Amino acid sequence: MYKGAKVAVVIPAYKEEQLVGETIKGIPEFVDLVIAIDDASPDKTFEVASKYASDRVIVISLPENQGVGGAIIAGHKIALENNCDISVVMAGDNQMDPQYLPTLLDPITSGEFDFAKGNRFFSSTSLKGMPFYRIVGNSLLGFLTKAASGYWNIFDPQNGYTAISSKMLKVIPLDKVAKRYDFENDLLIWLSIYDARITDVNIPARYGSETSHIKLLPFIFRTLRTLIRGFFRRTFHKS
């Protein structure tokens, strides 16, 4: 429990046999439920994660690859089934520093916000270690996501280190949210449609030996399509 809230951490993992174990081991003890979702990895991700299975750690392997968003959605559903109050997402590549979990949780446990996300752009020192092309890409996508979602106060839309209240998870049509790497962008649009109160929190980037599985051009085209569709969807719902 964290300040009276039952907390789940969802760990989407695809081809993360080298790092998923470290990710699971790093989850703080105040987290009530750890949900590791292997997204039909061709390597030993599921086998490695399963070594940590316990009453507190649930390990699931999806029968078919769903994409990172699909894995996260599957994890959120399990968190709801287990009556968790807050569901946090931490990637299986050990890139998201668990010491910042309270920073994400506090805005929600206070009752002030429904959704909190990391932002690596609060200061130049936060960007240390981030590849330059990611900085440029995130800046561009940040502006486009602001326009599509209407959340002009947020930035760093591709930051998947997030926390969301169970109340909001029950409202959003999870099965309609994009399931690939455009998940974070589409989720923000759905949050806007349902008037979620969201906030950015300062979480520096942490890069190590992880390998990105994003294919850049398909990702750009898919995300642009999602943002355009999402803009019109939000406009329709808000009109």
C-alpha atoms as a PDB file:
ATOM      1  CA  MET A   1       0.000   0.000   0.000  1.00  0.00           C
ATOM      2  CA  TYR A   2       1.091   3.546  -0.639  1.00  0.00           C
ATOM      3  CA  LYS A   3      -0.678   6.230   1.388  1.00  0.00           C
ATOM      4  CA  GLY A   4      -3.758   4.039   1.635  1.00  0.00           C
ATOM      5  CA  ALA A   5      -3.826   3.108  -2.060  1.00  0.00           C
ATOM      6  CA  LYS A   6      -3.359  -0.403  -3.416  1.00  0.00           C
ATOM      7  CA  VAL A   7      -0.732  -0.076  -6.145  1.00  0.00           C
ATOM      8  CA  ALA A   8      -0.036  -2.291  -9.146  1.00  0.00           C
ATOM      9  CA  VAL A   9       2.974  -2.035 -11.460  1.00  0.00           C
ATOM     10  CA  VAL A  10       2.472  -3.280 -15.012  1.00  0.00           C
ATOM     11  CA  ILE A  11       5.657  -4.369 -16.797  1.00  0.00           C
ATOM     12  CA  PRO A  12       5.211  -4.815 -20.566  1.00  0.00           C
ATOM     13  CA  ALA A  13       8.121  -6.816 -21.954  1.00  0.00           C
ATOM     14  CA  TYR A  14       9.127  -7.883 -25.438  1.00  0.00           C
ATOM     15  CA  LYS A  15      12.488  -9.544 -26.029  1.00  0.00           C
ATOM     16  CA  GLU A  16      13.752  -8.386 -22.629  1.00  0.00           C
ATOM     17  CA  GLU A  17      15.314 -11.581 -21.288  1.00  0.00           C
ATOM     18  CA  GLN A  18      18.415  -9.626 -20.221  1.00  0.00           C
ATOM     19  CA  LEU A  19      16.641  -6.902 -18.236  1.00  0.00           C
ATOM     20  CA  VAL A  20      13.152  -8.006 -17.187  1.00  0.00           C
ATOM     21  CA  GLY A  21      14.497  -9.756 -14.090  1.00  0.00           C
ATOM     22  CA  GLU A  22      16.298  -6.613 -12.917  1.00  0.00           C
ATOM     23  CA  THR A  23      13.131  -4.620 -13.546  1.00  0.00           C
ATOM     24  CA  ILE A  24      11.005  -6.930 -11.402  1.00  0.00           C
ATOM     25  CA  LYS A  25      13.598  -7.075  -8.607  1.00  0.00           C
ATOM     26  CA  GLY A  26      13.746  -3.282  -8.469  1.00  0.00           C
ATOM     27  CA  ILE A  27      10.057  -2.755  -7.714  1.00  0.00           C
ATOM     28  CA  PRO A  28       9.699  -1.253  -4.192  1.00  0.00           C
ATOM     29  CA  GLU A  29       8.068  -3.289  -1.453  1.00  0.00           C
ATOM     30  CA  PHE A  30       5.166  -0.850  -1.047  1.00  0.00           C
ATOM     31  CA  VAL A  31       3.859  -1.995  -4.445  1.00  0.00           C
ATOM     32  CA  ASP A  32       1.111  -4.543  -3.793  1.00  0.00           C
ATOM     33  CA  LEU A  33       1.012  -6.280  -7.166  1.00  0.00           C
ATOM     34  CA  VAL A  34       3.569  -6.659  -9.963  1.00  0.00           C
ATOM     35  CA  ILE A  35       2.139  -7.726 -13.334  1.00  0.00           C
ATOM     36  CA  ALA A  36       4.743  -8.766 -15.905  1.00  0.00           C
ATOM     37  CA  ILE A  37       3.271  -9.165 -19.392  1.00  0.00           C
ATOM     38  CA  ASP A  38       5.425 -11.003 -21.914  1.00  0.00           C
ATOM     39  CA  ASP A  39       4.225  -9.863 -25.346  1.00  0.00           C
ATOM     40  CA  ALA A  40       4.791 -13.210 -27.095  1.00  0.00           C
ATOM     41  CA  SER A  41       8.563 -12.750 -27.089  1.00  0.00           C
ATOM     42  CA  PRO A  42      10.602 -15.157 -29.228  1.00  0.00           C
ATOM     43  CA  ASP A  43      13.351 -15.254 -26.598  1.00  0.00           C
ATOM     44  CA  LYS A  44      13.335 -16.312 -22.929  1.00  0.00           C
ATOM     45  CA  THR A  45      11.588 -13.223 -21.539  1.00  0.00           C
ATOM     46  CA  PHE A  46       8.693 -15.269 -20.140  1.00  0.00           C
ATOM     47  CA  GLU A  47      10.967 -17.925 -18.648  1.00  0.00           C
ATOM     48  CA  VAL A  48      13.148 -15.320 -16.925  1.00  0.00           C
ATOM     49  CA  ALA A  49      10.175 -13.351 -15.592  1.00  0.00           C
ATOM     50  CA  SER A  50       8.505 -16.541 -14.366  1.00  0.00           C
ATOM     51  CA  LYS A  51      11.397 -17.149 -11.978  1.00  0.00           C
ATOM     52  CA  TYR A  52      10.068 -14.221  -9.932  1.00  0.00           C
ATOM     53  CA  ALA A  53       6.422 -15.335  -9.893  1.00  0.00           C
ATOM     54  CA  SER A  54       4.846 -15.271  -6.441  1.00  0.00           C
ATOM     55  CA  ASP A  55       1.693 -14.194  -4.628  1.00  0.00           C
ATOM     56  CA  ARG A  56       2.819 -10.630  -5.346  1.00  0.00           C
ATOM     57  CA  VAL A  57       4.184 -11.132  -8.874  1.00  0.00           C
ATOM     58  CA  ILE A  58       1.901 -12.284 -11.705  1.00  0.00           C
ATOM     59  CA  VAL A  59       3.601 -13.312 -14.948  1.00  0.00           C
ATOM     60  CA  ILE A  60       1.515 -13.648 -18.113  1.00  0.00           C
ATOM     61  CA  SER A  61       2.548 -14.538 -21.654  1.00  0.00           C
ATOM     62  CA  LEU A  62       0.244 -13.286 -24.401  1.00  0.00           C
ATOM     63  CA  PRO A  63      -0.501 -15.913 -27.073  1.00  0.00           C
ATOM     64  CA  GLU A  64       0.089 -13.394 -29.873  1.00  0.00           C
ATOM     65  CA  ASN A  65       2.139 -10.213 -30.041  1.00  0.00           C
ATOM     66  CA  GLN A  66      -0.103  -7.253 -29.246  1.00  0.00           C
ATOM     67  CA  GLY A  67       2.371  -4.388 -29.202  1.00  0.00           C
ATOM     68  CA  VAL A  68       3.433  -2.469 -26.117  1.00  0.00           C
ATOM     69  CA  GLY A  69       0.019  -0.842 -25.792  1.00  0.00           C
ATOM     70  CA  GLY A  70      -1.751  -4.177 -25.986  1.00  0.00           C
ATOM     71  CA  ALA A  71       0.517  -5.586 -23.270  1.00  0.00           C
ATOM     72  CA  ILE A  72      -0.116  -2.557 -21.054  1.00  0.00           C
ATOM     73  CA  ILE A  73      -3.874  -2.810 -21.548  1.00  0.00           C
ATOM     74  CA  ALA A  74      -3.763  -6.482 -20.574  1.00  0.00           C
ATOM     75  CA  GLY A  75      -1.864  -5.533 -17.424  1.00  0.00           C
ATOM     76  CA  HIS A  76      -4.269  -2.717 -16.529  1.00  0.00           C
ATOM     77  CA  LYS A  77      -7.184  -5.136 -16.798  1.00  0.00           C
ATOM     78  CA  ILE A  78      -5.498  -7.512 -14.356  1.00  0.00           C
ATOM     79  CA  ALA A  79      -4.881  -4.597 -11.983  1.00  0.00           C
ATOM     80  CA  LEU A  80      -8.603  -3.775 -12.089  1.00  0.00           C
ATOM     81  CA  GLU A  81      -9.534  -7.420 -11.503  1.00  0.00           C
ATOM     82  CA  ASN A  82      -7.371  -7.327  -8.369  1.00  0.00           C
ATOM     83  CA  ASN A  83      -9.031  -4.129  -7.087  1.00  0.00           C
ATOM     84  CA  CYS A  84      -5.903  -1.989  -7.333  1.00  0.00           C
ATOM     85  CA  ASP A  85      -6.446   1.743  -6.855  1.00  0.00           C
ATOM     86  CA  ILE A  86      -3.528   2.884  -9.027  1.00  0.00           C
ATOM     87  CA  SER A  87      -1.846   1.166 -11.950  1.00  0.00           C
ATOM     88  CA  VAL A  88       1.705   2.184 -12.872  1.00  0.00           C
ATOM     89  CA  VAL A  89       3.549   1.300 -16.079  1.00  0.00           C
ATOM     90  CA  MET A  90       7.264   0.504 -15.985  1.00  0.00           C
ATOM     91  CA  ALA A  91       8.910  -0.893 -19.131  1.00  0.00           C
ATOM     92  CA  GLY A  92      10.650  -4.265 -18.924  1.00  0.00           C
ATOM     93  CA  ASP A  93      13.983  -2.795 -20.039  1.00  0.00           C
ATOM     94  CA  ASN A  94      14.778  -1.406 -16.583  1.00  0.00           C
ATOM     95  CA  GLN A  95      14.874   2.103 -18.043  1.00  0.00           C
ATOM     96  CA  MET A  96      12.384   3.571 -15.559  1.00  0.00           C
ATOM     97  CA  ASP A  97      13.939   4.348 -12.202  1.00  0.00           C
ATOM     98  CA  PRO A  98      11.734   2.961  -9.381  1.00  0.00           C
ATOM     99  CA  GLN A  99      12.917   5.637  -6.947  1.00  0.00           C
ATOM    100  CA  TYR A 100      10.563   8.030  -8.766  1.00  0.00           C
ATOM    101  CA  LEU A 101       7.458   5.933  -8.143  1.00  0.00           C
ATOM    102  CA  PRO A 102       6.306   8.153  -5.247  1.00  0.00           C
ATOM    103  CA  THR A 103       6.650  11.189  -7.540  1.00  0.00           C
ATOM    104  CA  LEU A 104       4.127   9.588  -9.879  1.00  0.00           C
ATOM    105  CA  LEU A 105       1.832   8.305  -7.162  1.00  0.00           C
ATOM    106  CA  ASP A 106       1.535  11.435  -5.006  1.00  0.00           C
ATOM    107  CA  PRO A 107      -0.537  13.491  -7.486  1.00  0.00           C
ATOM    108  CA  ILE A 108      -3.094  10.670  -7.619  1.00  0.00           C
ATOM    109  CA  THR A 109      -3.196   9.704  -3.949  1.00  0.00           C
ATOM    110  CA  SER A 110      -3.748  13.389  -3.124  1.00  0.00           C
ATOM    111  CA  GLY A 111      -6.963  13.249  -5.153  1.00  0.00           C
ATOM    112  CA  GLU A 112      -5.845  16.155  -7.315  1.00  0.00           C
ATOM    113  CA  PHE A 113      -5.145  14.177 -10.509  1.00  0.00           C
ATOM    114  CA  ASP A 114      -6.328  11.030 -12.316  1.00  0.00           C
ATOM    115  CA  PHE A 115      -3.182  10.451 -14.374  1.00  0.00           C
ATOM    116  CA  ALA A 116       0.484  11.324 -13.920  1.00  0.00           C
ATOM    117  CA  LYS A 117       3.288  10.837 -16.412  1.00  0.00           C
ATOM    118  CA  GLY A 118       7.016  11.320 -16.466  1.00  0.00           C
ATOM    119  CA  ASN A 119       8.571  14.235 -18.317  1.00  0.00           C
ATOM    120  CA  ARG A 120      12.275  14.108 -19.210  1.00  0.00           C
ATOM    121  CA  PHE A 121      12.304  17.676 -20.540  1.00  0.00           C
ATOM    122  CA  PHE A 122      12.036  19.701 -17.338  1.00  0.00           C
ATOM    123  CA  SER A 123      15.745  20.480 -17.385  1.00  0.00           C
ATOM    124  CA  SER A 124      18.732  19.973 -19.659  1.00  0.00           C
ATOM    125  CA  THR A 125      20.373  17.677 -17.115  1.00  0.00           C
ATOM    126  CA  SER A 126      17.343  15.373 -17.345  1.00  0.00           C
ATOM    127  CA  LEU A 127      18.214  14.727 -20.982  1.00  0.00           C
ATOM    128  CA  LYS A 128      21.710  13.469 -20.298  1.00  0.00           C
ATOM    129  CA  GLY A 129      22.120  10.206 -22.157  1.00  0.00           C
ATOM    130  CA  MET A 130      19.088  10.668 -24.407  1.00  0.00           C
ATOM    131  CA  PRO A 131      20.004  10.328 -28.122  1.00  0.00           C
ATOM    132  CA  PHE A 132      19.653  13.597 -30.050  1.00  0.00           C
ATOM    133  CA  TYR A 133      17.174  12.155 -32.558  1.00  0.00           C
ATOM    134  CA  ARG A 134      14.903  11.187 -29.656  1.00  0.00           C
ATOM    135  CA  ILE A 135      15.017  14.723 -28.292  1.00  0.00           C
ATOM    136  CA  VAL A 136      14.014  16.147 -31.684  1.00  0.00           C
ATOM    137  CA  GLY A 137      11.359  13.493 -32.274  1.00  0.00           C
ATOM    138  CA  ASN A 138       9.848  13.901 -28.828  1.00  0.00           C
ATOM    139  CA  SER A 139       9.736  17.675 -29.260  1.00  0.00           C
ATOM    140  CA  LEU A 140       7.809  17.386 -32.522  1.00  0.00           C
ATOM    141  CA  LEU A 141       5.475  14.690 -31.239  1.00  0.00           C
ATOM    142  CA  GLY A 142       4.988  16.703 -28.086  1.00  0.00           C
ATOM    143  CA  PHE A 143       3.566  19.628 -30.014  1.00  0.00           C
ATOM    144  CA  LEU A 144       1.368  17.438 -32.229  1.00  0.00           C
ATOM    145  CA  THR A 145       0.050  15.494 -29.239  1.00  0.00           C
ATOM    146  CA  LYS A 146      -0.768  18.735 -27.433  1.00  0.00           C
ATOM    147  CA  ALA A 147      -2.861  19.806 -30.424  1.00  0.00           C
ATOM    148  CA  ALA A 148      -4.585  16.436 -30.803  1.00  0.00           C
ATOM    149  CA  SER A 149      -5.346  15.927 -27.104  1.00  0.00           C
ATOM    150  CA  GLY A 150      -5.936  19.514 -26.022  1.00  0.00           C
ATOM    151  CA  TYR A 151      -3.563  19.009 -23.088  1.00  0.00           C
ATOM    152  CA  TRP A 152      -1.310  21.994 -23.725  1.00  0.00           C
ATOM    153  CA  ASN A 153       0.244  21.690 -20.268  1.00  0.00           C
ATOM    154  CA  ILE A 154       1.947  18.340 -20.939  1.00  0.00           C
ATOM    155  CA  PHE A 155       5.036  17.308 -22.852  1.00  0.00           C
ATOM    156  CA  ASP A 156       7.201  14.253 -23.601  1.00  0.00           C
ATOM    157  CA  PRO A 157       4.238  12.183 -24.862  1.00  0.00           C
ATOM    158  CA  GLN A 158       6.327   9.068 -25.549  1.00  0.00           C
ATOM    159  CA  ASN A 159       7.303   8.772 -21.903  1.00  0.00           C
ATOM    160  CA  GLY A 160       5.625   5.555 -20.852  1.00  0.00           C
ATOM    161  CA  TYR A 161       6.390   5.920 -17.143  1.00  0.00           C
ATOM    162  CA  THR A 162       2.827   6.620 -16.016  1.00  0.00           C
ATOM    163  CA  ALA A 163       0.343   6.140 -13.215  1.00  0.00           C
ATOM    164  CA  ILE A 164      -3.427   6.098 -13.603  1.00  0.00           C
ATOM    165  CA  SER A 165      -6.293   5.764 -11.139  1.00  0.00           C
ATOM    166  CA  SER A 166      -8.605   2.765 -11.283  1.00  0.00           C
ATOM    167  CA  LYS A 167     -11.518   5.198 -11.527  1.00  0.00           C
ATOM    168  CA  MET A 168     -10.209   6.498 -14.843  1.00  0.00           C
ATOM    169  CA  LEU A 169      -9.268   3.021 -16.104  1.00  0.00           C
ATOM    170  CA  LYS A 170     -12.885   1.967 -15.624  1.00  0.00           C
ATOM    171  CA  VAL A 171     -14.098   4.918 -17.702  1.00  0.00           C
ATOM    172  CA  ILE A 172     -11.757   4.712 -20.700  1.00  0.00           C
ATOM    173  CA  PRO A 173     -12.710   2.154 -23.405  1.00  0.00           C
ATOM    174  CA  LEU A 174      -9.411   0.290 -23.089  1.00  0.00           C
ATOM    175  CA  ASP A 175     -10.077  -1.999 -26.037  1.00  0.00           C
ATOM    176  CA  LYS A 176     -10.305   1.037 -28.343  1.00  0.00           C
ATOM    177  CA  VAL A 177      -6.925   2.531 -27.375  1.00  0.00           C
ATOM    178  CA  ALA A 178      -4.083   2.044 -29.887  1.00  0.00           C
ATOM    179  CA  LYS A 179      -2.036  -1.034 -29.074  1.00  0.00           C
ATOM    180  CA  ARG A 180       1.346  -0.291 -30.641  1.00  0.00           C
ATOM    181  CA  TYR A 181       3.951   2.398 -29.881  1.00  0.00           C
ATOM    182  CA  ASP A 182       1.317   5.092 -30.462  1.00  0.00           C
ATOM    183  CA  PHE A 183      -0.444   3.900 -27.308  1.00  0.00           C
ATOM    184  CA  GLU A 184       0.729   6.798 -25.131  1.00  0.00           C
ATOM    185  CA  ASN A 185      -0.432   9.400 -27.670  1.00  0.00           C
ATOM    186  CA  ASP A 186      -3.842   7.815 -28.154  1.00  0.00           C
ATOM    187  CA  LEU A 187      -4.308   7.320 -24.427  1.00  0.00           C
ATOM    188  CA  LEU A 188      -3.840  11.042 -23.826  1.00  0.00           C
ATOM    189  CA  ILE A 189      -6.579  11.768 -26.371  1.00  0.00           C
ATOM    190  CA  TRP A 190      -8.970   9.340 -24.685  1.00  0.00           C
ATOM    191  CA  LEU A 191      -8.111  10.868 -21.301  1.00  0.00           C
ATOM    192  CA  SER A 192      -9.007  14.278 -22.688  1.00  0.00           C
ATOM    193  CA  ILE A 193     -12.346  13.000 -24.034  1.00  0.00           C
ATOM    194  CA  TYR A 194     -13.243  11.834 -20.525  1.00  0.00           C
ATOM    195  CA  ASP A 195     -11.961  15.023 -18.852  1.00  0.00           C
ATOM    196  CA  ALA A 196      -9.169  13.340 -16.918  1.00  0.00           C
ATOM    197  CA  ARG A 197      -7.033  15.600 -14.754  1.00  0.00           C
ATOM    198  CA  ILE A 198      -3.435  14.921 -15.760  1.00  0.00           C
ATOM    199  CA  THR A 199      -0.015  16.205 -14.799  1.00  0.00           C
ATOM    200  CA  ASP A 200       3.634  15.886 -15.798  1.00  0.00           C
ATOM    201  CA  VAL A 201       6.231  15.096 -13.151  1.00  0.00           C
ATOM    202  CA  ASN A 202       9.972  15.554 -13.436  1.00  0.00           C
ATOM    203  CA  ILE A 203      11.647  12.191 -14.055  1.00  0.00           C
ATOM    204  CA  PRO A 204      15.112  12.202 -15.664  1.00  0.00           C
ATOM    205  CA  ALA A 205      15.873   9.803 -18.501  1.00  0.00           C
ATOM    206  CA  ARG A 206      17.810   6.662 -17.632  1.00  0.00           C
ATOM    207  CA  TYR A 207      19.483   4.791 -20.482  1.00  0.00           C
ATOM    208  CA  GLY A 208      21.566   1.672 -20.190  1.00  0.00           C
ATOM    209  CA  SER A 209      22.006  -1.440 -22.314  1.00  0.00           C
ATOM    210  CA  GLU A 210      18.386  -1.659 -23.458  1.00  0.00           C
ATOM    211  CA  THR A 211      17.615  -1.987 -27.161  1.00  0.00           C
ATOM    212  CA  SER A 212      14.787  -0.105 -28.830  1.00  0.00           C
ATOM    213  CA  HIS A 213      12.434  -2.237 -30.942  1.00  0.00           C
ATOM    214  CA  ILE A 214      10.837   0.771 -32.638  1.00  0.00           C
ATOM    215  CA  LYS A 215      11.043   0.907 -36.428  1.00  0.00           C
ATOM    216  CA  LEU A 216      11.270   4.640 -36.942  1.00  0.00           C
ATOM    217  CA  LEU A 217       9.399   5.291 -40.207  1.00  0.00           C
ATOM    218  CA  PRO A 218       6.432   2.964 -39.508  1.00  0.00           C
ATOM    219  CA  PHE A 219       6.230   4.471 -36.022  1.00  0.00           C
ATOM    220  CA  ILE A 220       6.123   8.038 -37.388  1.00  0.00           C
ATOM    221  CA  PHE A 221       3.407   7.261 -39.930  1.00  0.00           C
ATOM    222  CA  ARG A 222       1.335   5.240 -37.462  1.00  0.00           C
ATOM    223  CA  THR A 223       1.554   7.932 -34.777  1.00  0.00           C
ATOM    224  CA  LEU A 224       0.682  10.743 -37.186  1.00  0.00           C
ATOM    225  CA  ARG A 225      -2.363   8.783 -38.317  1.00  0.00           C
ATOM    226  CA  THR A 226      -3.371   8.158 -34.710  1.00  0.00           C
ATOM    227  CA  LEU A 227      -3.020  11.838 -33.822  1.00  0.00           C
ATOM    228  CA  ILE A 228      -5.069  13.005 -36.804  1.00  0.00           C
ATOM    229  CA  ARG A 229      -7.839  10.511 -36.105  1.00  0.00           C
ATOM    230  CA  GLY A 230      -7.689  11.288 -32.417  1.00  0.00           C
ATOM    231  CA  PHE A 231      -8.010  15.014 -33.024  1.00  0.00           C
ATOM    232  CA  PHE A 232     -11.249  14.536 -34.955  1.00  0.00           C
ATOM    233  CA  ARG A 233     -12.519  11.979 -32.426  1.00  0.00           C
ATOM    234  CA  ARG A 234     -11.949  14.396 -29.557  1.00  0.00           C
ATOM    235  CA  THR A 235     -13.524  17.267 -31.524  1.00  0.00           C
ATOM    236  CA  PHE A 236     -16.598  15.103 -32.189  1.00  0.00           C
ATOM    237  CA  HIS A 237     -16.989  14.053 -28.560  1.00  0.00           C
ATOM    238  CA  LYS A 238     -16.447  17.567 -27.236  1.00  0.00           C
ATOM    239  CA  SER A 239     -18.797  19.283 -29.708  1.00  0.00           C
END
